[in-house]
Amino acid sequence: MTKADIVNEIARTTGIEKANVLDTIEKFMEVVKDSLANGENVYLRGFGSFIVKTRSEKVARNISKNTTIVIPEHKIPAFKPAKVFMEDVK
């Protein structure tokens, strides 16, 4: 399902104009992105959590040059679904 499909489904079921639904979804994604960029997690009860995970430093190999490189500790965004969400998907 794409963002356009989500907009169409929400507009169809609620009767809200597609442009308003699209603006709302875009703003939601912007708020989540900005929160994660600032190190704040986003919790949506019954749905899941958008969290920032820290990957530890590790050693990797560049096979083509046969050298080792160190990948520094870094942060990545992640989604952890709620238990209710997981049960519905199963």
N, C-alpha and C. Protein backbone atom coordinates (compact mmCIF):
# COMPACT_ATOMS: atom_id res chain seq x y z
N MET A 1 0.85 -1.17 0.00
CA MET A 1 0.00 0.00 0.00
C MET A 1 0.90 1.24 0.00
N THR A 2 0.60 2.18 -0.86
CA THR A 2 1.39 3.40 -0.96
C THR A 2 0.71 4.53 -0.18
N LYS A 3 1.41 5.65 -0.07
CA LYS A 3 0.84 6.82 0.61
C LYS A 3 -0.43 7.27 -0.10
N ALA A 4 -0.43 7.23 -1.42
CA ALA A 4 -1.62 7.63 -2.18
C ALA A 4 -2.80 6.71 -1.87
N ASP A 5 -2.53 5.41 -1.73
CA ASP A 5 -3.59 4.46 -1.37
C ASP A 5 -4.15 4.76 0.02
N ILE A 6 -3.28 5.10 0.94
CA ILE A 6 -3.71 5.43 2.30
C ILE A 6 -4.58 6.69 2.28
N VAL A 7 -4.14 7.70 1.54
CA VAL A 7 -4.91 8.94 1.43
C VAL A 7 -6.29 8.66 0.84
N ASN A 8 -6.34 7.87 -0.22
CA ASN A 8 -7.62 7.54 -0.85
C ASN A 8 -8.54 6.79 0.11
N GLU A 9 -8.00 5.84 0.86
CA GLU A 9 -8.82 5.05 1.79
C GLU A 9 -9.36 5.91 2.92
N ILE A 10 -8.52 6.76 3.49
CA ILE A 10 -8.98 7.64 4.58
C ILE A 10 -10.01 8.64 4.07
N ALA A 11 -9.78 9.21 2.89
CA ALA A 11 -10.73 10.17 2.31
C ALA A 11 -12.06 9.49 2.02
N ARG A 12 -12.01 8.27 1.52
CA ARG A 12 -13.24 7.54 1.19
C ARG A 12 -14.04 7.20 2.44
N THR A 13 -13.35 6.74 3.50
CA THR A 13 -14.08 6.29 4.69
C THR A 13 -14.52 7.41 5.61
N THR A 14 -13.82 8.56 5.58
CA THR A 14 -14.18 9.66 6.48
C THR A 14 -14.95 10.78 5.80
N GLY A 15 -14.84 10.88 4.49
CA GLY A 15 -15.50 11.97 3.78
C GLY A 15 -14.70 13.27 3.77
N ILE A 16 -13.48 13.22 4.27
CA ILE A 16 -12.61 14.40 4.27
C ILE A 16 -11.94 14.50 2.90
N GLU A 17 -11.72 15.72 2.44
CA GLU A 17 -11.10 15.92 1.14
C GLU A 17 -9.69 15.32 1.10
N LYS A 18 -9.31 14.79 -0.06
CA LYS A 18 -8.00 14.16 -0.21
C LYS A 18 -6.85 15.11 0.09
N ALA A 19 -6.99 16.37 -0.30
CA ALA A 19 -5.92 17.34 -0.06
C ALA A 19 -5.69 17.54 1.43
N ASN A 20 -6.77 17.59 2.21
CA ASN A 20 -6.64 17.74 3.66
C ASN A 20 -6.02 16.51 4.30
N VAL A 21 -6.42 15.34 3.83
CA VAL A 21 -5.86 14.09 4.36
C VAL A 21 -4.37 14.02 4.04
N LEU A 22 -4.00 14.37 2.82
CA LEU A 22 -2.60 14.34 2.42
C LEU A 22 -1.78 15.31 3.27
N ASP A 23 -2.28 16.51 3.50
CA ASP A 23 -1.58 17.49 4.33
C ASP A 23 -1.38 16.96 5.75
N THR A 24 -2.40 16.32 6.29
CA THR A 24 -2.32 15.77 7.64
C THR A 24 -1.29 14.65 7.73
N ILE A 25 -1.29 13.76 6.76
CA ILE A 25 -0.32 12.66 6.75
C ILE A 25 1.09 13.20 6.58
N GLU A 26 1.26 14.17 5.70
CA GLU A 26 2.59 14.77 5.49
C GLU A 26 3.09 15.42 6.78
N LYS A 27 2.22 16.14 7.48
CA LYS A 27 2.61 16.81 8.72
C LYS A 27 2.94 15.77 9.80
N PHE A 28 2.17 14.69 9.87
CA PHE A 28 2.44 13.62 10.83
C PHE A 28 3.83 13.04 10.60
N MET A 29 4.15 12.74 9.34
CA MET A 29 5.46 12.16 9.03
C MET A 29 6.58 13.16 9.35
N GLU A 30 6.33 14.43 9.12
CA GLU A 30 7.34 15.46 9.42
C GLU A 30 7.59 15.55 10.92
N VAL A 31 6.51 15.50 11.72
CA VAL A 31 6.65 15.57 13.18
C VAL A 31 7.41 14.35 13.70
N VAL A 32 7.09 13.16 13.20
CA VAL A 32 7.79 11.95 13.62
C VAL A 32 9.27 12.05 13.24
N LYS A 33 9.56 12.46 12.02
CA LYS A 33 10.95 12.58 11.56
C LYS A 33 11.72 13.59 12.40
N ASP A 34 11.14 14.75 12.66
CA ASP A 34 11.80 15.77 13.45
C ASP A 34 12.04 15.30 14.89
N SER A 35 11.06 14.60 15.46
CA SER A 35 11.21 14.09 16.82
C SER A 35 12.35 13.09 16.91
N LEU A 36 12.41 12.16 15.95
CA LEU A 36 13.48 11.18 15.95
C LEU A 36 14.83 11.83 15.72
N ALA A 37 14.88 12.86 14.87
CA ALA A 37 16.13 13.56 14.61
C ALA A 37 16.63 14.27 15.87
N ASN A 38 15.71 14.67 16.74
CA ASN A 38 16.08 15.32 18.00
C ASN A 38 16.28 14.31 19.13
N GLY A 39 16.23 13.02 18.83
CA GLY A 39 16.47 11.99 19.83
C GLY A 39 15.26 11.65 20.68
N GLU A 40 14.09 12.11 20.29
CA GLU A 40 12.86 11.83 21.03
C GLU A 40 12.11 10.68 20.37
N ASN A 41 11.67 9.72 21.17
CA ASN A 41 10.86 8.62 20.65
C ASN A 41 9.41 9.06 20.53
N VAL A 42 8.66 8.41 19.63
CA VAL A 42 7.24 8.71 19.43
C VAL A 42 6.45 7.46 19.76
N TYR A 43 5.54 7.55 20.73
CA TYR A 43 4.76 6.41 21.19
C TYR A 43 3.30 6.59 20.77
N LEU A 44 2.75 5.60 20.06
CA LEU A 44 1.36 5.61 19.64
C LEU A 44 0.69 4.38 20.26
N ARG A 45 -0.04 4.59 21.35
CA ARG A 45 -0.64 3.49 22.09
C ARG A 45 -1.55 2.65 21.17
N GLY A 46 -1.37 1.36 21.20
CA GLY A 46 -2.17 0.44 20.40
C GLY A 46 -1.65 0.27 18.98
N PHE A 47 -0.64 1.04 18.60
CA PHE A 47 -0.08 0.93 17.26
C PHE A 47 1.39 0.54 17.32
N GLY A 48 2.20 1.36 17.98
CA GLY A 48 3.61 1.05 18.11
C GLY A 48 4.43 2.27 18.46
N SER A 49 5.74 2.10 18.43
CA SER A 49 6.65 3.17 18.80
C SER A 49 7.68 3.38 17.71
N PHE A 50 7.92 4.64 17.38
CA PHE A 50 9.02 5.01 16.51
C PHE A 50 10.15 5.37 17.46
N ILE A 51 11.26 4.63 17.39
CA ILE A 51 12.34 4.81 18.34
C ILE A 51 13.66 5.03 17.62
N VAL A 52 14.61 5.58 18.37
CA VAL A 52 15.97 5.76 17.86
C VAL A 52 16.84 4.70 18.52
N LYS A 53 17.45 3.84 17.70
CA LYS A 53 18.34 2.81 18.21
C LYS A 53 19.79 3.24 17.97
N THR A 54 20.66 2.83 18.88
CA THR A 54 22.07 3.13 18.73
C THR A 54 22.80 1.85 18.33
N ARG A 55 23.45 1.90 17.20
CA ARG A 55 24.27 0.77 16.74
C ARG A 55 25.68 0.98 17.25
N SER A 56 26.25 -0.03 17.86
CA SER A 56 27.59 0.11 18.42
C SER A 56 28.65 0.09 17.32
N GLU A 57 29.83 0.53 17.69
CA GLU A 57 30.95 0.55 16.76
C GLU A 57 31.31 -0.87 16.37
N LYS A 58 31.69 -1.08 15.11
CA LYS A 58 32.08 -2.42 14.68
C LYS A 58 33.14 -2.34 13.60
N VAL A 59 33.82 -3.45 13.41
CA VAL A 59 34.86 -3.55 12.39
C VAL A 59 34.26 -4.29 11.20
N ALA A 60 34.47 -3.73 10.01
CA ALA A 60 33.96 -4.35 8.78
C ALA A 60 35.11 -4.49 7.79
N ARG A 61 34.88 -5.23 6.75
CA ARG A 61 35.91 -5.45 5.74
C ARG A 61 35.46 -4.92 4.39
N ASN A 62 36.36 -4.25 3.71
CA ASN A 62 36.16 -3.85 2.34
C ASN A 62 36.79 -4.96 1.49
N ILE A 63 35.97 -5.83 0.95
CA ILE A 63 36.46 -7.01 0.26
C ILE A 63 37.25 -6.65 -1.00
N SER A 64 36.83 -5.64 -1.72
CA SER A 64 37.51 -5.31 -2.97
C SER A 64 38.93 -4.80 -2.74
N LYS A 65 39.16 -4.08 -1.65
CA LYS A 65 40.50 -3.56 -1.35
C LYS A 65 41.23 -4.40 -0.31
N ASN A 66 40.54 -5.38 0.25
CA ASN A 66 41.08 -6.26 1.28
C ASN A 66 41.61 -5.46 2.48
N THR A 67 40.80 -4.54 2.94
CA THR A 67 41.16 -3.72 4.10
C THR A 67 40.04 -3.78 5.13
N THR A 68 40.40 -3.44 6.35
CA THR A 68 39.38 -3.36 7.40
C THR A 68 39.08 -1.89 7.66
N ILE A 69 37.83 -1.63 7.97
CA ILE A 69 37.41 -0.28 8.31
C ILE A 69 36.61 -0.35 9.61
N VAL A 70 36.60 0.74 10.35
CA VAL A 70 35.82 0.82 11.56
C VAL A 70 34.58 1.66 11.28
N ILE A 71 33.43 1.06 11.53
CA ILE A 71 32.17 1.78 11.38
C ILE A 71 31.85 2.35 12.76
N PRO A 72 31.80 3.67 12.90
CA PRO A 72 31.59 4.27 14.22
C PRO A 72 30.17 4.03 14.74
N GLU A 73 30.00 4.23 16.03
CA GLU A 73 28.67 4.13 16.63
C GLU A 73 27.75 5.14 15.95
N HIS A 74 26.53 4.71 15.64
CA HIS A 74 25.59 5.61 14.98
C HIS A 74 24.17 5.27 15.38
N LYS A 75 23.25 6.18 15.09
CA LYS A 75 21.85 6.00 15.45
C LYS A 75 21.03 5.75 14.20
N ILE A 76 20.01 4.89 14.37
CA ILE A 76 19.11 4.59 13.26
C ILE A 76 17.66 4.65 13.75
N PRO A 77 16.73 5.04 12.89
CA PRO A 77 15.32 5.00 13.27
C PRO A 77 14.80 3.57 13.17
N ALA A 78 13.84 3.25 14.04
CA ALA A 78 13.25 1.91 14.02
C ALA A 78 11.78 2.03 14.45
N PHE A 79 11.02 1.00 14.11
CA PHE A 79 9.61 0.93 14.52
C PHE A 79 9.41 -0.35 15.31
N LYS A 80 8.80 -0.23 16.48
CA LYS A 80 8.49 -1.39 17.30
C LYS A 80 6.97 -1.47 17.43
N PRO A 81 6.35 -2.47 16.81
CA PRO A 81 4.89 -2.55 16.87
C PRO A 81 4.39 -2.93 18.27
N ALA A 82 3.19 -2.46 18.60
CA ALA A 82 2.56 -2.79 19.87
C ALA A 82 2.08 -4.24 19.85
N LYS A 83 1.87 -4.81 21.03
CA LYS A 83 1.42 -6.19 21.12
C LYS A 83 0.09 -6.39 20.41
N VAL A 84 -0.83 -5.44 20.57
CA VAL A 84 -2.14 -5.52 19.91
C VAL A 84 -1.96 -5.54 18.40
N PHE A 85 -1.06 -4.71 17.90
CA PHE A 85 -0.76 -4.66 16.47
C PHE A 85 -0.26 -6.02 16.01
N MET A 86 0.68 -6.59 16.75
CA MET A 86 1.26 -7.88 16.38
C MET A 86 0.21 -8.98 16.37
N GLU A 87 -0.68 -8.97 17.35
CA GLU A 87 -1.73 -9.99 17.41
C GLU A 87 -2.68 -9.88 16.22
N ASP A 88 -2.98 -8.65 15.78
CA ASP A 88 -3.87 -8.46 14.65
C ASP A 88 -3.23 -8.93 13.36
N VAL A 89 -1.92 -8.80 13.24
CA VAL A 89 -1.22 -9.21 12.03
C VAL A 89 -1.10 -10.72 11.95
N LYS A 90 -0.94 -11.38 13.08
CA LYS A 90 -0.77 -12.85 13.09
C LYS A 90 -1.93 -13.59 12.56
